[in-house]
Amino acid sequence: MSFISFENVTYRYQDAKKNAIDNINLHIEQGEFVAVIGHNGSGKSTFAKLLNGLLVPSAGTVTVGGISTAEEARRLDLLQQVGMVFQNPDNQIVASIVEEDVAFGPENLGIPPQEIRTRVDEALKTVGMYEYRLRAPHNLSGGQKQRVAIAGIIAMQPKCIVMDESTAMLDPIGRAEVMEAAKMLNRDYGITIIYITHFMNEAVDANRVILLDKGIIALDGTPKEVFADYERILQYGLDVPQSYELMKKLGINACVLQHDECVTKLEELLGENGKTRD
């Protein structure tokens, strides 16, 4: 059984005329890094909330780690499987001291105090925020606040972290900090990352990209597979990564997604042109 399974899942908000999620079937394995993209209203945030039981399907079944999100009796077990990091870190920070905020989740899970102390320290070190443990969260930058929010989830030791547009309110430096934390958690700790974003440059760092459109899965594959069809991506109301856009403007037919790959490609082309002139 896959770690995350959507079996014929539909969700419709009360009084809505259309389904927000429309008969999705999807399987995600433990340890994957999945970026979820789509224009506003495509169903991304609804998808995220279905993963940890904030929303329960109108039809079908969502299971995470073998637990159905509809099982109210196993709500606590589900929260230990999947944690959520939301768009605005201020809405997730509940304490006046960083380390107290990180301890909040484990305390609610009934973890013994000595273990909480260990978990808080390890979580803050993991995201590079240990030296700020006695600071007031409101004095931190947006990226630092979001890393504190991530530490609070890590301290609960979930197998999956869902990041629902967690960089949307951050500047480029803050976005980079959060993305690096997500990649590190996936790479070094094997945590499944579901990374919902409208920044295409972030999506290319995932192992897999799912494009939602009108509540259905329109595309699902590696970043190269999903972004290769330039015209189709534009038809879904999305941009392509900047490196790919630059290639297109230069008339180069290459699906180049990463900045370093773009630099290498340009160096190769400039070298070839220099040889031609010689």
C-alpha atoms as a PDB file:
ATOM      1  CA  MET A   1       0.000   0.000   0.000  1.00  0.00           C
ATOM      2  CA  SER A   2       1.241   3.494  -0.870  1.00  0.00           C
ATOM      3  CA  PHE A   3       1.974   5.889   1.977  1.00  0.00           C
ATOM      4  CA  ILE A   4      -0.635   8.363   0.660  1.00  0.00           C
ATOM      5  CA  SER A   5      -3.609   7.154  -1.372  1.00  0.00           C
ATOM      6  CA  PHE A   6      -6.525   9.023  -2.923  1.00  0.00           C
ATOM      7  CA  GLU A   7      -9.175   6.583  -4.100  1.00  0.00           C
ATOM      8  CA  ASN A   8     -11.942   8.188  -6.185  1.00  0.00           C
ATOM      9  CA  VAL A   9     -11.777  11.303  -4.011  1.00  0.00           C
ATOM     10  CA  THR A  10     -14.237  14.137  -4.540  1.00  0.00           C
ATOM     11  CA  TYR A  11     -14.754  17.205  -2.376  1.00  0.00           C
ATOM     12  CA  ARG A  12     -17.399  19.894  -2.785  1.00  0.00           C
ATOM     13  CA  TYR A  13     -17.782  22.869  -0.467  1.00  0.00           C
ATOM     14  CA  GLN A  14     -21.233  23.553   0.895  1.00  0.00           C
ATOM     15  CA  ASP A  15     -23.407  25.502  -1.571  1.00  0.00           C
ATOM     16  CA  ALA A  16     -20.705  25.278  -4.275  1.00  0.00           C
ATOM     17  CA  LYS A  17     -21.858  24.495  -7.807  1.00  0.00           C
ATOM     18  CA  LYS A  18     -18.744  22.522  -8.760  1.00  0.00           C
ATOM     19  CA  ASN A  19     -16.433  20.057  -7.062  1.00  0.00           C
ATOM     20  CA  ALA A  20     -13.204  21.544  -5.715  1.00  0.00           C
ATOM     21  CA  ILE A  21     -11.605  18.096  -6.103  1.00  0.00           C
ATOM     22  CA  ASP A  22     -13.194  15.878  -8.724  1.00  0.00           C
ATOM     23  CA  ASN A  23     -12.739  12.092  -8.544  1.00  0.00           C
ATOM     24  CA  ILE A  24      -8.971  12.020  -8.002  1.00  0.00           C
ATOM     25  CA  ASN A  25      -6.973   8.802  -7.868  1.00  0.00           C
ATOM     26  CA  LEU A  26      -3.414   9.269  -6.671  1.00  0.00           C
ATOM     27  CA  HIS A  27      -0.626   7.369  -4.916  1.00  0.00           C
ATOM     28  CA  ILE A  28       2.442   8.876  -3.249  1.00  0.00           C
ATOM     29  CA  GLU A  29       5.217   6.755  -1.771  1.00  0.00           C
ATOM     30  CA  GLN A  30       7.086   7.386   1.467  1.00  0.00           C
ATOM     31  CA  GLY A  31      10.093   9.644   0.876  1.00  0.00           C
ATOM     32  CA  GLU A  32       8.852  11.388  -2.276  1.00  0.00           C
ATOM     33  CA  PHE A  33       9.192  15.130  -2.785  1.00  0.00           C
ATOM     34  CA  VAL A  34       6.067  16.176  -4.681  1.00  0.00           C
ATOM     35  CA  ALA A  35       5.346  19.705  -5.882  1.00  0.00           C
ATOM     36  CA  VAL A  36       1.683  20.529  -6.506  1.00  0.00           C
ATOM     37  CA  ILE A  37       1.018  23.389  -8.905  1.00  0.00           C
ATOM     38  CA  GLY A  38      -2.018  25.002 -10.544  1.00  0.00           C
ATOM     39  CA  HIS A  39      -3.646  28.384 -11.011  1.00  0.00           C
ATOM     40  CA  ASN A  40      -5.844  29.974  -8.329  1.00  0.00           C
ATOM     41  CA  GLY A  41      -8.974  27.907  -7.818  1.00  0.00           C
ATOM     42  CA  SER A  42      -7.438  24.730  -9.220  1.00  0.00           C
ATOM     43  CA  GLY A  43      -7.935  22.823  -5.967  1.00  0.00           C
ATOM     44  CA  LYS A  44      -4.421  22.994  -4.482  1.00  0.00           C
ATOM     45  CA  SER A  45      -5.352  24.128  -0.957  1.00  0.00           C
ATOM     46  CA  THR A  46      -8.330  21.768  -0.829  1.00  0.00           C
ATOM     47  CA  PHE A  47      -5.983  18.951  -1.802  1.00  0.00           C
ATOM     48  CA  ALA A  48      -3.626  19.947   1.031  1.00  0.00           C
ATOM     49  CA  LYS A  49      -6.394  20.003   3.642  1.00  0.00           C
ATOM     50  CA  LEU A  50      -7.628  16.581   2.567  1.00  0.00           C
ATOM     51  CA  LEU A  51      -4.218  15.146   3.437  1.00  0.00           C
ATOM     52  CA  ASN A  52      -4.449  15.637   7.188  1.00  0.00           C
ATOM     53  CA  GLY A  53      -8.179  15.510   7.796  1.00  0.00           C
ATOM     54  CA  LEU A  54      -8.867  19.238   7.943  1.00  0.00           C
ATOM     55  CA  LEU A  55     -11.332  18.316   5.206  1.00  0.00           C
ATOM     56  CA  VAL A  56     -12.944  14.891   4.791  1.00  0.00           C
ATOM     57  CA  PRO A  57     -13.848  13.736   1.261  1.00  0.00           C
ATOM     58  CA  SER A  58     -17.440  14.136   0.087  1.00  0.00           C
ATOM     59  CA  ALA A  59     -16.846  10.829  -1.693  1.00  0.00           C
ATOM     60  CA  GLY A  60     -13.963   8.383  -1.843  1.00  0.00           C
ATOM     61  CA  THR A  61     -11.168   7.718   0.640  1.00  0.00           C
ATOM     62  CA  VAL A  62      -7.904   9.410   1.592  1.00  0.00           C
ATOM     63  CA  THR A  63      -5.451   7.277   3.568  1.00  0.00           C
ATOM     64  CA  VAL A  64      -2.117   8.357   5.014  1.00  0.00           C
ATOM     65  CA  GLY A  65       0.124   5.698   6.513  1.00  0.00           C
ATOM     66  CA  GLY A  66      -2.781   3.273   6.404  1.00  0.00           C
ATOM     67  CA  ILE A  67      -5.071   5.643   8.339  1.00  0.00           C
ATOM     68  CA  SER A  68      -8.247   6.933   6.745  1.00  0.00           C
ATOM     69  CA  THR A  69      -8.586  10.678   7.281  1.00  0.00           C
ATOM     70  CA  ALA A  70     -12.286  10.098   7.979  1.00  0.00           C
ATOM     71  CA  GLU A  71     -11.539   8.002  11.102  1.00  0.00           C
ATOM     72  CA  GLU A  72     -12.250  10.491  13.873  1.00  0.00           C
ATOM     73  CA  ALA A  73     -11.058   8.008  16.507  1.00  0.00           C
ATOM     74  CA  ARG A  74      -7.594   7.987  14.910  1.00  0.00           C
ATOM     75  CA  ARG A  75      -7.276  11.737  14.553  1.00  0.00           C
ATOM     76  CA  LEU A  76      -4.267  11.884  16.886  1.00  0.00           C
ATOM     77  CA  ASP A  77      -2.548   9.070  14.998  1.00  0.00           C
ATOM     78  CA  LEU A  78      -3.096  10.940  11.747  1.00  0.00           C
ATOM     79  CA  LEU A  79      -1.544  14.136  13.142  1.00  0.00           C
ATOM     80  CA  GLN A  80       1.567  12.125  13.960  1.00  0.00           C
ATOM     81  CA  GLN A  81       1.730  10.970  10.346  1.00  0.00           C
ATOM     82  CA  VAL A  82       1.324  14.307   8.571  1.00  0.00           C
ATOM     83  CA  GLY A  83       2.022  17.895   9.604  1.00  0.00           C
ATOM     84  CA  MET A  84       0.933  21.117   7.896  1.00  0.00           C
ATOM     85  CA  VAL A  85       2.858  24.332   7.319  1.00  0.00           C
ATOM     86  CA  PHE A  86       0.562  27.115   6.110  1.00  0.00           C
ATOM     87  CA  GLN A  87       1.024  30.269   4.056  1.00  0.00           C
ATOM     88  CA  ASN A  88       1.210  32.798   6.890  1.00  0.00           C
ATOM     89  CA  PRO A  89       3.624  31.768   9.678  1.00  0.00           C
ATOM     90  CA  ASP A  90       2.030  34.312  12.041  1.00  0.00           C
ATOM     91  CA  ASN A  91      -1.140  32.205  12.006  1.00  0.00           C
ATOM     92  CA  GLN A  92       0.800  29.149  13.162  1.00  0.00           C
ATOM     93  CA  ILE A  93       2.950  30.676  15.892  1.00  0.00           C
ATOM     94  CA  VAL A  94       1.178  30.534  19.252  1.00  0.00           C
ATOM     95  CA  ALA A  95       3.845  31.307  21.868  1.00  0.00           C
ATOM     96  CA  SER A  96       5.914  34.357  22.774  1.00  0.00           C
ATOM     97  CA  ILE A  97       9.215  32.434  22.829  1.00  0.00           C
ATOM     98  CA  VAL A  98      10.537  30.364  19.903  1.00  0.00           C
ATOM     99  CA  GLU A  99      11.306  27.185  21.859  1.00  0.00           C
ATOM    100  CA  GLU A 100       7.920  27.295  23.595  1.00  0.00           C
ATOM    101  CA  ASP A 101       6.219  27.517  20.233  1.00  0.00           C
ATOM    102  CA  VAL A 102       8.102  24.486  18.924  1.00  0.00           C
ATOM    103  CA  ALA A 103       7.157  22.566  22.085  1.00  0.00           C
ATOM    104  CA  PHE A 104       3.437  23.274  21.655  1.00  0.00           C
ATOM    105  CA  GLY A 105       2.706  20.383  19.282  1.00  0.00           C
ATOM    106  CA  PRO A 106       4.536  17.657  21.219  1.00  0.00           C
ATOM    107  CA  GLU A 107       2.902  18.853  24.449  1.00  0.00           C
ATOM    108  CA  ASN A 108      -0.523  18.372  22.877  1.00  0.00           C
ATOM    109  CA  LEU A 109       0.492  14.863  21.826  1.00  0.00           C
ATOM    110  CA  GLY A 110       1.236  14.040  25.487  1.00  0.00           C
ATOM    111  CA  ILE A 111       4.987  13.582  24.980  1.00  0.00           C
ATOM    112  CA  PRO A 112       6.976  13.437  28.275  1.00  0.00           C
ATOM    113  CA  PRO A 113       8.710  16.756  29.164  1.00  0.00           C
ATOM    114  CA  GLN A 114      12.266  15.370  28.930  1.00  0.00           C
ATOM    115  CA  GLU A 115      11.627  14.030  25.432  1.00  0.00           C
ATOM    116  CA  ILE A 116       9.985  17.315  24.418  1.00  0.00           C
ATOM    117  CA  ARG A 117      13.163  19.156  25.444  1.00  0.00           C
ATOM    118  CA  THR A 118      15.218  16.843  23.231  1.00  0.00           C
ATOM    119  CA  ARG A 119      12.810  17.108  20.307  1.00  0.00           C
ATOM    120  CA  VAL A 120      12.654  20.920  20.473  1.00  0.00           C
ATOM    121  CA  ASP A 121      16.439  21.290  20.472  1.00  0.00           C
ATOM    122  CA  GLU A 122      16.888  18.807  17.626  1.00  0.00           C
ATOM    123  CA  ALA A 123      14.110  20.373  15.541  1.00  0.00           C
ATOM    124  CA  LEU A 124      15.523  23.886  15.915  1.00  0.00           C
ATOM    125  CA  LYS A 125      19.026  22.669  15.025  1.00  0.00           C
ATOM    126  CA  THR A 126      17.629  20.878  11.988  1.00  0.00           C
ATOM    127  CA  VAL A 127      16.227  24.099  10.497  1.00  0.00           C
ATOM    128  CA  GLY A 128      19.136  26.264  11.659  1.00  0.00           C
ATOM    129  CA  MET A 129      17.164  28.171  14.293  1.00  0.00           C
ATOM    130  CA  TYR A 130      18.644  26.828  17.540  1.00  0.00           C
ATOM    131  CA  GLU A 131      20.482  30.077  18.332  1.00  0.00           C
ATOM    132  CA  TYR A 132      17.122  31.884  18.171  1.00  0.00           C
ATOM    133  CA  ARG A 133      15.404  29.537  20.652  1.00  0.00           C
ATOM    134  CA  LEU A 134      14.944  32.224  23.334  1.00  0.00           C
ATOM    135  CA  ARG A 135      13.923  34.975  20.920  1.00  0.00           C
ATOM    136  CA  ALA A 136      10.431  36.368  20.477  1.00  0.00           C
ATOM    137  CA  PRO A 137       8.974  35.114  17.151  1.00  0.00           C
ATOM    138  CA  HIS A 138       7.630  38.546  16.221  1.00  0.00           C
ATOM    139  CA  ASN A 139      11.224  39.832  16.018  1.00  0.00           C
ATOM    140  CA  LEU A 140      12.178  37.279  13.343  1.00  0.00           C
ATOM    141  CA  SER A 141      12.106  37.661   9.576  1.00  0.00           C
ATOM    142  CA  GLY A 142       9.375  35.967   7.543  1.00  0.00           C
ATOM    143  CA  GLY A 143      11.686  33.161   6.460  1.00  0.00           C
ATOM    144  CA  GLN A 144      12.863  32.607  10.038  1.00  0.00           C
ATOM    145  CA  LYS A 145       9.273  32.487  11.306  1.00  0.00           C
ATOM    146  CA  GLN A 146       8.418  29.895   8.693  1.00  0.00           C
ATOM    147  CA  ARG A 147      11.425  27.808   9.721  1.00  0.00           C
ATOM    148  CA  VAL A 148      10.201  27.982  13.325  1.00  0.00           C
ATOM    149  CA  ALA A 149       6.801  26.758  12.122  1.00  0.00           C
ATOM    150  CA  ILE A 150       8.541  23.888  10.295  1.00  0.00           C
ATOM    151  CA  ALA A 151      10.518  23.073  13.464  1.00  0.00           C
ATOM    152  CA  GLY A 152       7.227  22.844  15.375  1.00  0.00           C
ATOM    153  CA  ILE A 153       6.052  20.221  12.881  1.00  0.00           C
ATOM    154  CA  ILE A 154       9.392  18.355  12.943  1.00  0.00           C
ATOM    155  CA  ALA A 155       9.180  18.124  16.753  1.00  0.00           C
ATOM    156  CA  MET A 156       5.999  16.087  16.311  1.00  0.00           C
ATOM    157  CA  GLN A 157       8.046  13.644  14.190  1.00  0.00           C
ATOM    158  CA  PRO A 158       5.625  13.183  11.285  1.00  0.00           C
ATOM    159  CA  LYS A 159       6.484  11.033   8.282  1.00  0.00           C
ATOM    160  CA  CYS A 160       5.051  13.682   5.936  1.00  0.00           C
ATOM    161  CA  ILE A 161       5.039  17.477   5.867  1.00  0.00           C
ATOM    162  CA  VAL A 162       2.526  19.331   3.708  1.00  0.00           C
ATOM    163  CA  MET A 163       3.623  22.868   2.842  1.00  0.00           C
ATOM    164  CA  ASP A 164       0.608  24.819   1.608  1.00  0.00           C
ATOM    165  CA  GLU A 165       2.106  27.792  -0.290  1.00  0.00           C
ATOM    166  CA  SER A 166       4.442  28.296   2.660  1.00  0.00           C
ATOM    167  CA  THR A 167       6.644  30.745   0.744  1.00  0.00           C
ATOM    168  CA  ALA A 168       3.864  32.865  -0.795  1.00  0.00           C
ATOM    169  CA  MET A 169       4.281  35.741   1.681  1.00  0.00           C
ATOM    170  CA  LEU A 170       8.083  35.675   1.789  1.00  0.00           C
ATOM    171  CA  ASP A 171      10.770  37.611  -0.058  1.00  0.00           C
ATOM    172  CA  PRO A 172      13.239  35.703  -2.299  1.00  0.00           C
ATOM    173  CA  ILE A 173      15.686  35.124   0.562  1.00  0.00           C
ATOM    174  CA  GLY A 174      12.938  33.760   2.813  1.00  0.00           C
ATOM    175  CA  ARG A 175      11.644  31.517   0.010  1.00  0.00           C
ATOM    176  CA  ALA A 176      15.122  30.113  -0.531  1.00  0.00           C
ATOM    177  CA  GLU A 177      15.506  29.409   3.209  1.00  0.00           C
ATOM    178  CA  VAL A 178      12.241  27.481   3.366  1.00  0.00           C
ATOM    179  CA  MET A 179      12.936  25.528   0.165  1.00  0.00           C
ATOM    180  CA  GLU A 180      16.396  24.511   1.421  1.00  0.00           C
ATOM    181  CA  ALA A 181      14.834  23.319   4.687  1.00  0.00           C
ATOM    182  CA  ALA A 182      12.273  21.253   2.777  1.00  0.00           C
ATOM    183  CA  LYS A 183      14.913  19.666   0.538  1.00  0.00           C
ATOM    184  CA  MET A 184      17.114  18.862   3.526  1.00  0.00           C
ATOM    185  CA  LEU A 185      14.260  17.200   5.445  1.00  0.00           C
ATOM    186  CA  ASN A 186      13.470  15.055   2.422  1.00  0.00           C
ATOM    187  CA  ARG A 187      17.083  14.226   1.566  1.00  0.00           C
ATOM    188  CA  ASP A 188      18.546  13.674   5.048  1.00  0.00           C
ATOM    189  CA  TYR A 189      15.541  12.393   7.010  1.00  0.00           C
ATOM    190  CA  GLY A 190      13.420  10.713   4.341  1.00  0.00           C
ATOM    191  CA  ILE A 191      10.377  12.846   5.213  1.00  0.00           C
ATOM    192  CA  THR A 192       7.735  12.911   2.495  1.00  0.00           C
ATOM    193  CA  ILE A 193       7.268  16.495   1.303  1.00  0.00           C
ATOM    194  CA  ILE A 194       4.104  17.711  -0.392  1.00  0.00           C
ATOM    195  CA  TYR A 195       5.066  21.189  -1.563  1.00  0.00           C
ATOM    196  CA  ILE A 196       2.173  23.280  -2.858  1.00  0.00           C
ATOM    197  CA  THR A 197       3.412  26.357  -4.681  1.00  0.00           C
ATOM    198  CA  HIS A 198       2.690  28.894  -7.392  1.00  0.00           C
ATOM    199  CA  PHE A 199       6.406  29.541  -7.923  1.00  0.00           C
ATOM    200  CA  MET A 200       7.487  27.355 -10.837  1.00  0.00           C
ATOM    201  CA  ASN A 201      11.170  27.791  -9.927  1.00  0.00           C
ATOM    202  CA  GLU A 202      10.419  25.973  -6.659  1.00  0.00           C
ATOM    203  CA  ALA A 203       8.535  23.150  -8.365  1.00  0.00           C
ATOM    204  CA  VAL A 204      11.594  22.150 -10.402  1.00  0.00           C
ATOM    205  CA  ASP A 205      13.399  21.133  -7.186  1.00  0.00           C
ATOM    206  CA  ALA A 206      10.859  18.368  -6.535  1.00  0.00           C
ATOM    207  CA  ASN A 207      11.205  14.788  -7.735  1.00  0.00           C
ATOM    208  CA  ARG A 208       7.641  14.815  -9.019  1.00  0.00           C
ATOM    209  CA  VAL A 209       5.218  17.530 -10.118  1.00  0.00           C
ATOM    210  CA  ILE A 210       1.416  17.269 -10.060  1.00  0.00           C
ATOM    211  CA  LEU A 211      -0.550  19.910 -11.938  1.00  0.00           C
ATOM    212  CA  LEU A 212      -4.124  20.400 -10.760  1.00  0.00           C
ATOM    213  CA  ASP A 213      -6.713  22.061 -12.973  1.00  0.00           C
ATOM    214  CA  LYS A 214     -10.390  22.441 -12.066  1.00  0.00           C
ATOM    215  CA  GLY A 215     -10.041  19.809  -9.365  1.00  0.00           C
ATOM    216  CA  ILE A 216      -8.505  17.084 -11.511  1.00  0.00           C
ATOM    217  CA  ILE A 217      -4.938  15.916 -12.111  1.00  0.00           C
ATOM    218  CA  ALA A 218      -4.012  17.374 -15.498  1.00  0.00           C
ATOM    219  CA  LEU A 219      -0.330  16.379 -15.472  1.00  0.00           C
ATOM    220  CA  ASP A 220       1.774  14.129 -13.258  1.00  0.00           C
ATOM    221  CA  GLY A 221       5.453  13.345 -13.796  1.00  0.00           C
ATOM    222  CA  THR A 222       9.011  14.511 -13.298  1.00  0.00           C
ATOM    223  CA  PRO A 223       9.645  18.259 -13.638  1.00  0.00           C
ATOM    224  CA  LYS A 224      11.097  17.682 -17.112  1.00  0.00           C
ATOM    225  CA  GLU A 225       8.071  15.646 -18.176  1.00  0.00           C
ATOM    226  CA  VAL A 226       5.551  18.171 -16.867  1.00  0.00           C
ATOM    227  CA  PHE A 227       7.231  21.360 -18.105  1.00  0.00           C
ATOM    228  CA  ALA A 228       8.391  19.970 -21.464  1.00  0.00           C
ATOM    229  CA  ASP A 229       5.066  20.892 -23.099  1.00  0.00           C
ATOM    230  CA  TYR A 230       5.562  24.650 -22.996  1.00  0.00           C
ATOM    231  CA  GLU A 231       2.329  25.577 -24.772  1.00  0.00           C
ATOM    232  CA  ARG A 232       0.208  23.292 -22.615  1.00  0.00           C
ATOM    233  CA  ILE A 233       1.599  24.779 -19.396  1.00  0.00           C
ATOM    234  CA  LEU A 234       0.657  28.249 -20.642  1.00  0.00           C
ATOM    235  CA  GLN A 235      -2.841  27.020 -21.505  1.00  0.00           C
ATOM    236  CA  TYR A 236      -3.301  26.041 -17.846  1.00  0.00           C
ATOM    237  CA  GLY A 237      -2.613  29.650 -16.849  1.00  0.00           C
ATOM    238  CA  LEU A 238       0.877  29.003 -15.495  1.00  0.00           C
ATOM    239  CA  ASP A 239       4.346  30.298 -16.203  1.00  0.00           C
ATOM    240  CA  VAL A 240       7.335  28.099 -16.882  1.00  0.00           C
ATOM    241  CA  PRO A 241      10.561  28.232 -14.839  1.00  0.00           C
ATOM    242  CA  GLN A 242      12.733  31.262 -15.623  1.00  0.00           C
ATOM    243  CA  SER A 243      15.568  29.234 -17.145  1.00  0.00           C
ATOM    244  CA  TYR A 244      13.181  27.580 -19.583  1.00  0.00           C
ATOM    245  CA  GLU A 245      11.601  30.941 -20.439  1.00  0.00           C
ATOM    246  CA  LEU A 246      15.048  32.366 -21.196  1.00  0.00           C
ATOM    247  CA  MET A 247      15.822  29.456 -23.524  1.00  0.00           C
ATOM    248  CA  LYS A 248      12.578  30.090 -25.381  1.00  0.00           C
ATOM    249  CA  LYS A 249      13.298  33.811 -25.784  1.00  0.00           C
ATOM    250  CA  LEU A 250      16.735  32.965 -27.168  1.00  0.00           C
ATOM    251  CA  GLY A 251      15.163  30.575 -29.647  1.00  0.00           C
ATOM    252  CA  ILE A 252      16.825  27.552 -28.050  1.00  0.00           C
ATOM    253  CA  ASN A 253      14.700  24.401 -28.100  1.00  0.00           C
ATOM    254  CA  ALA A 254      15.745  22.880 -24.780  1.00  0.00           C
ATOM    255  CA  CYS A 255      13.736  22.173 -21.615  1.00  0.00           C
ATOM    256  CA  VAL A 256      16.240  23.698 -19.206  1.00  0.00           C
ATOM    257  CA  LEU A 257      14.794  24.067 -15.697  1.00  0.00           C
ATOM    258  CA  GLN A 258      17.625  24.692 -13.228  1.00  0.00           C
ATOM    259  CA  HIS A 259      19.728  27.870 -13.111  1.00  0.00           C
ATOM    260  CA  ASP A 260      23.045  25.987 -13.141  1.00  0.00           C
ATOM    261  CA  GLU A 261      21.847  23.895 -16.089  1.00  0.00           C
ATOM    262  CA  CYS A 262      20.947  27.138 -17.864  1.00  0.00           C
ATOM    263  CA  VAL A 263      24.413  28.597 -17.277  1.00  0.00           C
ATOM    264  CA  THR A 264      26.073  25.420 -18.569  1.00  0.00           C
ATOM    265  CA  LYS A 265      23.886  25.437 -21.687  1.00  0.00           C
ATOM    266  CA  LEU A 266      24.687  29.087 -22.428  1.00  0.00           C
ATOM    267  CA  GLU A 267      28.413  28.487 -21.934  1.00  0.00           C
ATOM    268  CA  GLU A 268      28.247  25.583 -24.379  1.00  0.00           C
ATOM    269  CA  LEU A 269      26.452  27.694 -26.973  1.00  0.00           C
ATOM    270  CA  LEU A 270      28.816  30.643 -26.564  1.00  0.00           C
ATOM    271  CA  GLY A 271      31.766  28.273 -26.912  1.00  0.00           C
ATOM    272  CA  GLU A 272      30.355  26.786 -30.086  1.00  0.00           C
ATOM    273  CA  ASN A 273      29.749  30.259 -31.559  1.00  0.00           C
ATOM    274  CA  GLY A 274      33.319  31.243 -30.750  1.00  0.00           C
ATOM    275  CA  LYS A 275      34.654  28.181 -32.565  1.00  0.00           C
ATOM    276  CA  THR A 276      32.472  29.015 -35.566  1.00  0.00           C
ATOM    277  CA  ARG A 277      33.919  32.557 -35.766  1.00  0.00           C
ATOM    278  CA  ASP A 278      37.454  31.150 -35.607  1.00  0.00           C
END
